[in-house]
Amino acid sequence: MDTYQFDAAAYRRIRLPWLLLVLLLSFAVDGILIGIWETGVNPEAKYYWDVGFAFLCFINLVFVKGVALYHYWHTKKMRLRSYVRLEKETVVHYLLRTRMSHWQVETAKETSFAADGKAEYLFADTFFIRQVKNLKRRSNGSIVIEGTIENESLNEGWEEYSSDGKAFKRTTKRHTIPAYYQGMDEIFNALERMIK
């Protein structure tokens, strides 16, 4: 049973160019806004023009740069606890989506409840790849799997469990393992041996 952890260097190689592209486009929008702002307007409208310019720059800062940076760092932080495990007849992909504190869960649910000593609530998906019908490797190294895949969703804060008290399960036909795990070639070879 081999377990392959997150590879930070591969994550940077795949995700950083996209982050830099978004930031570059955002800085280009900043440049365009500054160019328009410097052309000026008549003195009566200057105050409103300045407020509008500041608002557009703020929106660009928060919703373009801020969201892109947050998504990059949050995804990296969550994937540090994710892994791919090769078992005898199954490939398991554990994907941590997010984690929340007790206060965050109470705020989101708009209700209070006893923590019972629990400090962190996990939101994760575990994919059990049991049978592979089709397998494809993308140019960035990600593996696209089609076949019999069980998805077990753990959503501790919302307690979405089945009637027997276990995590909610469903079957999917397609799943992608991103290329930022160690041993991607070994994972691909193990999946290839499962093709029926």
C-alpha atoms as a PDB file:
ATOM      1  CA  MET A   1       0.000   0.000   0.000  1.00  0.00           C
ATOM      2  CA  ASP A   2       1.847   3.081  -1.302  1.00  0.00           C
ATOM      3  CA  THR A   3       0.803   6.607  -0.373  1.00  0.00           C
ATOM      4  CA  TYR A   4       1.795   9.587  -2.510  1.00  0.00           C
ATOM      5  CA  GLN A   5       1.661  13.001  -0.857  1.00  0.00           C
ATOM      6  CA  PHE A   6       1.231  16.483  -2.277  1.00  0.00           C
ATOM      7  CA  ASP A   7       4.203  17.821  -4.293  1.00  0.00           C
ATOM      8  CA  ALA A   8       4.553  21.594  -3.730  1.00  0.00           C
ATOM      9  CA  ALA A   9       7.012  22.050  -6.616  1.00  0.00           C
ATOM     10  CA  ALA A  10       4.615  20.427  -9.099  1.00  0.00           C
ATOM     11  CA  TYR A  11       1.746  22.553  -7.754  1.00  0.00           C
ATOM     12  CA  ARG A  12       3.801  25.719  -8.317  1.00  0.00           C
ATOM     13  CA  ARG A  13       4.787  24.575 -11.808  1.00  0.00           C
ATOM     14  CA  ILE A  14       1.138  24.015 -12.768  1.00  0.00           C
ATOM     15  CA  ARG A  15      -0.718  26.770 -10.892  1.00  0.00           C
ATOM     16  CA  LEU A  16       1.772  29.652 -10.633  1.00  0.00           C
ATOM     17  CA  PRO A  17       1.757  30.560 -14.373  1.00  0.00           C
ATOM     18  CA  TRP A  18      -2.044  30.924 -14.239  1.00  0.00           C
ATOM     19  CA  LEU A  19      -1.837  33.041 -11.097  1.00  0.00           C
ATOM     20  CA  LEU A  20       0.806  35.272 -12.690  1.00  0.00           C
ATOM     21  CA  LEU A  21      -1.322  35.617 -15.842  1.00  0.00           C
ATOM     22  CA  VAL A  22      -4.337  36.751 -13.792  1.00  0.00           C
ATOM     23  CA  LEU A  23      -2.179  39.219 -11.850  1.00  0.00           C
ATOM     24  CA  LEU A  24      -0.624  40.540 -15.075  1.00  0.00           C
ATOM     25  CA  LEU A  25      -4.072  41.109 -16.588  1.00  0.00           C
ATOM     26  CA  SER A  26      -5.167  42.802 -13.376  1.00  0.00           C
ATOM     27  CA  PHE A  27      -2.158  45.139 -13.489  1.00  0.00           C
ATOM     28  CA  ALA A  28      -2.976  45.875 -17.145  1.00  0.00           C
ATOM     29  CA  VAL A  29      -6.491  46.897 -16.054  1.00  0.00           C
ATOM     30  CA  ASP A  30      -4.867  49.105 -13.376  1.00  0.00           C
ATOM     31  CA  GLY A  31      -2.741  50.733 -16.072  1.00  0.00           C
ATOM     32  CA  ILE A  32      -5.767  51.343 -18.292  1.00  0.00           C
ATOM     33  CA  LEU A  33      -7.688  52.850 -15.362  1.00  0.00           C
ATOM     34  CA  ILE A  34      -4.784  55.147 -14.468  1.00  0.00           C
ATOM     35  CA  GLY A  35      -4.443  56.188 -18.121  1.00  0.00           C
ATOM     36  CA  ILE A  36      -8.139  57.064 -18.298  1.00  0.00           C
ATOM     37  CA  TRP A  37      -8.005  58.818 -14.921  1.00  0.00           C
ATOM     38  CA  GLU A  38      -5.063  61.022 -15.964  1.00  0.00           C
ATOM     39  CA  THR A  39      -6.906  62.286 -19.059  1.00  0.00           C
ATOM     40  CA  GLY A  40      -9.096  64.139 -16.610  1.00  0.00           C
ATOM     41  CA  VAL A  41     -12.609  65.475 -16.714  1.00  0.00           C
ATOM     42  CA  ASN A  42     -14.162  68.856 -16.185  1.00  0.00           C
ATOM     43  CA  PRO A  43     -13.706  70.360 -12.685  1.00  0.00           C
ATOM     44  CA  GLU A  44     -17.368  69.930 -11.672  1.00  0.00           C
ATOM     45  CA  ALA A  45     -17.200  66.153 -12.168  1.00  0.00           C
ATOM     46  CA  LYS A  46     -13.663  65.663 -10.768  1.00  0.00           C
ATOM     47  CA  TYR A  47     -14.831  64.558  -7.303  1.00  0.00           C
ATOM     48  CA  TYR A  48     -17.205  61.911  -8.695  1.00  0.00           C
ATOM     49  CA  TRP A  49     -14.585  60.799 -11.193  1.00  0.00           C
ATOM     50  CA  ASP A  50     -12.030  60.336  -8.392  1.00  0.00           C
ATOM     51  CA  VAL A  51     -14.505  58.338  -6.281  1.00  0.00           C
ATOM     52  CA  GLY A  52     -15.421  56.158  -9.263  1.00  0.00           C
ATOM     53  CA  PHE A  53     -11.743  55.592 -10.074  1.00  0.00           C
ATOM     54  CA  ALA A  54     -10.963  54.608  -6.469  1.00  0.00           C
ATOM     55  CA  PHE A  55     -13.946  52.225  -6.462  1.00  0.00           C
ATOM     56  CA  LEU A  56     -12.877  50.525  -9.715  1.00  0.00           C
ATOM     57  CA  CYS A  57      -9.302  50.143  -8.431  1.00  0.00           C
ATOM     58  CA  PHE A  58     -10.622  48.689  -5.166  1.00  0.00           C
ATOM     59  CA  ILE A  59     -12.845  46.210  -7.017  1.00  0.00           C
ATOM     60  CA  ASN A  60      -9.892  45.163  -9.195  1.00  0.00           C
ATOM     61  CA  LEU A  61      -7.693  44.749  -6.115  1.00  0.00           C
ATOM     62  CA  VAL A  62     -10.159  42.731  -4.052  1.00  0.00           C
ATOM     63  CA  PHE A  63     -12.063  40.688  -6.622  1.00  0.00           C
ATOM     64  CA  VAL A  64      -9.318  39.953  -9.111  1.00  0.00           C
ATOM     65  CA  LYS A  65      -5.981  40.023  -7.309  1.00  0.00           C
ATOM     66  CA  GLY A  66      -7.363  39.088  -3.893  1.00  0.00           C
ATOM     67  CA  VAL A  67      -9.511  36.175  -5.029  1.00  0.00           C
ATOM     68  CA  ALA A  68      -6.763  34.774  -7.268  1.00  0.00           C
ATOM     69  CA  LEU A  69      -4.172  34.899  -4.481  1.00  0.00           C
ATOM     70  CA  TYR A  70      -6.598  33.482  -1.905  1.00  0.00           C
ATOM     71  CA  HIS A  71      -7.572  30.600  -4.186  1.00  0.00           C
ATOM     72  CA  TYR A  72      -3.913  29.758  -4.921  1.00  0.00           C
ATOM     73  CA  TRP A  73      -2.801  29.755  -1.270  1.00  0.00           C
ATOM     74  CA  HIS A  74      -5.960  28.125   0.139  1.00  0.00           C
ATOM     75  CA  THR A  75      -5.844  25.298  -2.405  1.00  0.00           C
ATOM     76  CA  LYS A  76      -2.156  24.739  -1.672  1.00  0.00           C
ATOM     77  CA  LYS A  77      -2.783  24.689   2.074  1.00  0.00           C
ATOM     78  CA  MET A  78      -5.628  22.163   1.753  1.00  0.00           C
ATOM     79  CA  ARG A  79      -3.759  19.906  -0.686  1.00  0.00           C
ATOM     80  CA  LEU A  80      -0.883  19.591   1.799  1.00  0.00           C
ATOM     81  CA  ARG A  81      -3.159  17.171   3.681  1.00  0.00           C
ATOM     82  CA  SER A  82      -4.425  15.377   0.552  1.00  0.00           C
ATOM     83  CA  TYR A  83      -2.940  12.184  -0.881  1.00  0.00           C
ATOM     84  CA  VAL A  84      -3.302   9.331  -3.367  1.00  0.00           C
ATOM     85  CA  ARG A  85      -3.006   5.809  -1.969  1.00  0.00           C
ATOM     86  CA  LEU A  86      -2.541   2.656  -4.025  1.00  0.00           C
ATOM     87  CA  GLU A  87      -4.262  -0.337  -2.452  1.00  0.00           C
ATOM     88  CA  LYS A  88      -4.498  -3.911  -3.693  1.00  0.00           C
ATOM     89  CA  GLU A  89      -7.482  -3.453  -6.027  1.00  0.00           C
ATOM     90  CA  THR A  90      -8.349   0.198  -5.481  1.00  0.00           C
ATOM     91  CA  VAL A  91      -6.779   3.619  -5.926  1.00  0.00           C
ATOM     92  CA  VAL A  92      -7.874   6.049  -3.212  1.00  0.00           C
ATOM     93  CA  HIS A  93      -7.728   9.819  -3.753  1.00  0.00           C
ATOM     94  CA  TYR A  94      -8.322  11.814  -0.556  1.00  0.00           C
ATOM     95  CA  LEU A  95      -9.038  15.446  -1.353  1.00  0.00           C
ATOM     96  CA  LEU A  96      -9.354  17.915   1.518  1.00  0.00           C
ATOM     97  CA  ARG A  97     -11.629  20.737   0.334  1.00  0.00           C
ATOM     98  CA  THR A  98     -11.576  23.037   3.339  1.00  0.00           C
ATOM     99  CA  ARG A  99     -11.678  23.101   7.093  1.00  0.00           C
ATOM    100  CA  MET A 100     -13.579  25.415   9.378  1.00  0.00           C
ATOM    101  CA  SER A 101     -13.504  26.360  13.024  1.00  0.00           C
ATOM    102  CA  HIS A 102     -16.493  25.843  15.308  1.00  0.00           C
ATOM    103  CA  TRP A 103     -17.322  29.560  15.105  1.00  0.00           C
ATOM    104  CA  GLN A 104     -17.268  29.513  11.269  1.00  0.00           C
ATOM    105  CA  VAL A 105     -19.616  26.530  11.143  1.00  0.00           C
ATOM    106  CA  GLU A 106     -22.000  28.165  13.639  1.00  0.00           C
ATOM    107  CA  THR A 107     -21.996  31.364  11.567  1.00  0.00           C
ATOM    108  CA  ALA A 108     -22.631  29.498   8.308  1.00  0.00           C
ATOM    109  CA  LYS A 109     -25.420  27.370   9.794  1.00  0.00           C
ATOM    110  CA  GLU A 110     -26.897  30.411  11.588  1.00  0.00           C
ATOM    111  CA  THR A 111     -27.332  28.384  14.750  1.00  0.00           C
ATOM    112  CA  SER A 112     -25.271  27.607  17.816  1.00  0.00           C
ATOM    113  CA  PHE A 113     -24.430  24.128  19.015  1.00  0.00           C
ATOM    114  CA  ALA A 114     -22.063  22.484  21.482  1.00  0.00           C
ATOM    115  CA  ALA A 115     -18.521  21.960  20.218  1.00  0.00           C
ATOM    116  CA  ASP A 116     -17.851  18.960  22.479  1.00  0.00           C
ATOM    117  CA  GLY A 117     -14.120  19.712  22.316  1.00  0.00           C
ATOM    118  CA  LYS A 118     -14.011  19.714  18.512  1.00  0.00           C
ATOM    119  CA  ALA A 119     -11.832  22.563  17.204  1.00  0.00           C
ATOM    120  CA  GLU A 120     -11.860  21.819  13.477  1.00  0.00           C
ATOM    121  CA  TYR A 121     -14.477  20.588  11.005  1.00  0.00           C
ATOM    122  CA  LEU A 122     -13.270  18.938   7.815  1.00  0.00           C
ATOM    123  CA  PHE A 123     -14.883  19.048   4.405  1.00  0.00           C
ATOM    124  CA  ALA A 124     -13.285  16.381   2.244  1.00  0.00           C
ATOM    125  CA  ASP A 125     -13.945  13.937  -0.565  1.00  0.00           C
ATOM    126  CA  THR A 126     -12.478  10.460  -0.773  1.00  0.00           C
ATOM    127  CA  PHE A 127     -12.613   8.846  -4.207  1.00  0.00           C
ATOM    128  CA  PHE A 128     -12.356   5.048  -4.367  1.00  0.00           C
ATOM    129  CA  ILE A 129     -11.435   4.113  -7.940  1.00  0.00           C
ATOM    130  CA  ARG A 130     -12.396   0.459  -8.217  1.00  0.00           C
ATOM    131  CA  GLN A 131     -12.687  -0.127 -11.959  1.00  0.00           C
ATOM    132  CA  VAL A 132     -11.191   1.833 -14.862  1.00  0.00           C
ATOM    133  CA  LYS A 133     -12.834   1.837 -18.288  1.00  0.00           C
ATOM    134  CA  ASN A 134     -10.909   4.699 -19.891  1.00  0.00           C
ATOM    135  CA  LEU A 135      -7.750   6.494 -18.845  1.00  0.00           C
ATOM    136  CA  LYS A 136      -6.207   9.655 -20.268  1.00  0.00           C
ATOM    137  CA  ARG A 137      -3.194  11.765 -19.323  1.00  0.00           C
ATOM    138  CA  ARG A 138      -3.489  15.493 -20.004  1.00  0.00           C
ATOM    139  CA  SER A 139      -0.592  17.618 -21.225  1.00  0.00           C
ATOM    140  CA  ASN A 140      -0.108  19.094 -17.724  1.00  0.00           C
ATOM    141  CA  GLY A 141       0.227  15.576 -16.244  1.00  0.00           C
ATOM    142  CA  SER A 142      -3.255  15.271 -14.702  1.00  0.00           C
ATOM    143  CA  ILE A 143      -4.945  11.889 -14.978  1.00  0.00           C
ATOM    144  CA  VAL A 144      -8.579  11.671 -16.151  1.00  0.00           C
ATOM    145  CA  ILE A 145     -10.288   8.445 -15.123  1.00  0.00           C
ATOM    146  CA  GLU A 146     -13.591   7.059 -16.367  1.00  0.00           C
ATOM    147  CA  GLY A 147     -15.023   4.005 -14.682  1.00  0.00           C
ATOM    148  CA  THR A 148     -16.587   2.901 -11.413  1.00  0.00           C
ATOM    149  CA  ILE A 149     -15.699   5.509  -8.810  1.00  0.00           C
ATOM    150  CA  GLU A 150     -17.230   5.829  -5.354  1.00  0.00           C
ATOM    151  CA  ASN A 151     -17.160   9.273  -3.809  1.00  0.00           C
ATOM    152  CA  GLU A 152     -17.415   9.479  -0.030  1.00  0.00           C
ATOM    153  CA  SER A 153     -18.105  13.061   1.089  1.00  0.00           C
ATOM    154  CA  LEU A 154     -17.230  14.038   4.617  1.00  0.00           C
ATOM    155  CA  ASN A 155     -18.961  17.256   5.585  1.00  0.00           C
ATOM    156  CA  GLU A 156     -18.592  17.437   9.347  1.00  0.00           C
ATOM    157  CA  GLY A 157     -20.058  20.886   9.844  1.00  0.00           C
ATOM    158  CA  TRP A 158     -23.323  20.081   8.088  1.00  0.00           C
ATOM    159  CA  GLU A 159     -23.526  16.435   9.169  1.00  0.00           C
ATOM    160  CA  GLU A 160     -24.548  15.125   5.770  1.00  0.00           C
ATOM    161  CA  TYR A 161     -24.496  11.470   6.643  1.00  0.00           C
ATOM    162  CA  SER A 162     -26.425   8.514   5.361  1.00  0.00           C
ATOM    163  CA  SER A 163     -29.009   6.744   7.509  1.00  0.00           C
ATOM    164  CA  ASP A 164     -26.363   4.441   9.036  1.00  0.00           C
ATOM    165  CA  GLY A 165     -24.390   7.425  10.399  1.00  0.00           C
ATOM    166  CA  LYS A 166     -21.486   7.229   7.969  1.00  0.00           C
ATOM    167  CA  ALA A 167     -20.271   9.740   5.414  1.00  0.00           C
ATOM    168  CA  PHE A 168     -22.511  10.416   2.415  1.00  0.00           C
ATOM    169  CA  LYS A 169     -21.621   8.187  -0.590  1.00  0.00           C
ATOM    170  CA  ARG A 170     -22.390   8.446  -4.281  1.00  0.00           C
ATOM    171  CA  THR A 171     -21.064   6.891  -7.468  1.00  0.00           C
ATOM    172  CA  THR A 172     -19.469   8.948 -10.222  1.00  0.00           C
ATOM    173  CA  LYS A 173     -18.233   7.962 -13.641  1.00  0.00           C
ATOM    174  CA  ARG A 174     -15.396  10.450 -14.090  1.00  0.00           C
ATOM    175  CA  HIS A 175     -12.653  11.808 -11.851  1.00  0.00           C
ATOM    176  CA  THR A 176      -9.440  13.776 -12.341  1.00  0.00           C
ATOM    177  CA  ILE A 177      -6.322  13.391 -10.229  1.00  0.00           C
ATOM    178  CA  PRO A 178      -4.361  16.659 -10.543  1.00  0.00           C
ATOM    179  CA  ALA A 179      -0.677  16.367 -11.438  1.00  0.00           C
ATOM    180  CA  TYR A 180       0.621  17.760  -8.169  1.00  0.00           C
ATOM    181  CA  TYR A 181       1.164  14.532  -6.259  1.00  0.00           C
ATOM    182  CA  GLN A 182       4.408  12.633  -5.905  1.00  0.00           C
ATOM    183  CA  GLY A 183       4.713   9.510  -8.047  1.00  0.00           C
ATOM    184  CA  MET A 184       2.269  10.454 -10.812  1.00  0.00           C
ATOM    185  CA  ASP A 185       3.835   7.832 -13.132  1.00  0.00           C
ATOM    186  CA  GLU A 186       3.310   5.084 -10.543  1.00  0.00           C
ATOM    187  CA  ILE A 187      -0.291   6.218 -10.036  1.00  0.00           C
ATOM    188  CA  PHE A 188      -0.900   6.183 -13.799  1.00  0.00           C
ATOM    189  CA  ASN A 189       0.647   2.701 -14.129  1.00  0.00           C
ATOM    190  CA  ALA A 190      -1.498   1.359 -11.274  1.00  0.00           C
ATOM    191  CA  LEU A 191      -4.623   2.768 -12.926  1.00  0.00           C
ATOM    192  CA  GLU A 192      -3.575   1.340 -16.282  1.00  0.00           C
ATOM    193  CA  ARG A 193      -3.379  -2.150 -14.762  1.00  0.00           C
ATOM    194  CA  MET A 194      -6.996  -1.723 -13.568  1.00  0.00           C
ATOM    195  CA  ILE A 195      -8.414  -1.166 -17.090  1.00  0.00           C
ATOM    196  CA  LYS A 196     -11.049  -3.774 -17.962  1.00  0.00           C
END
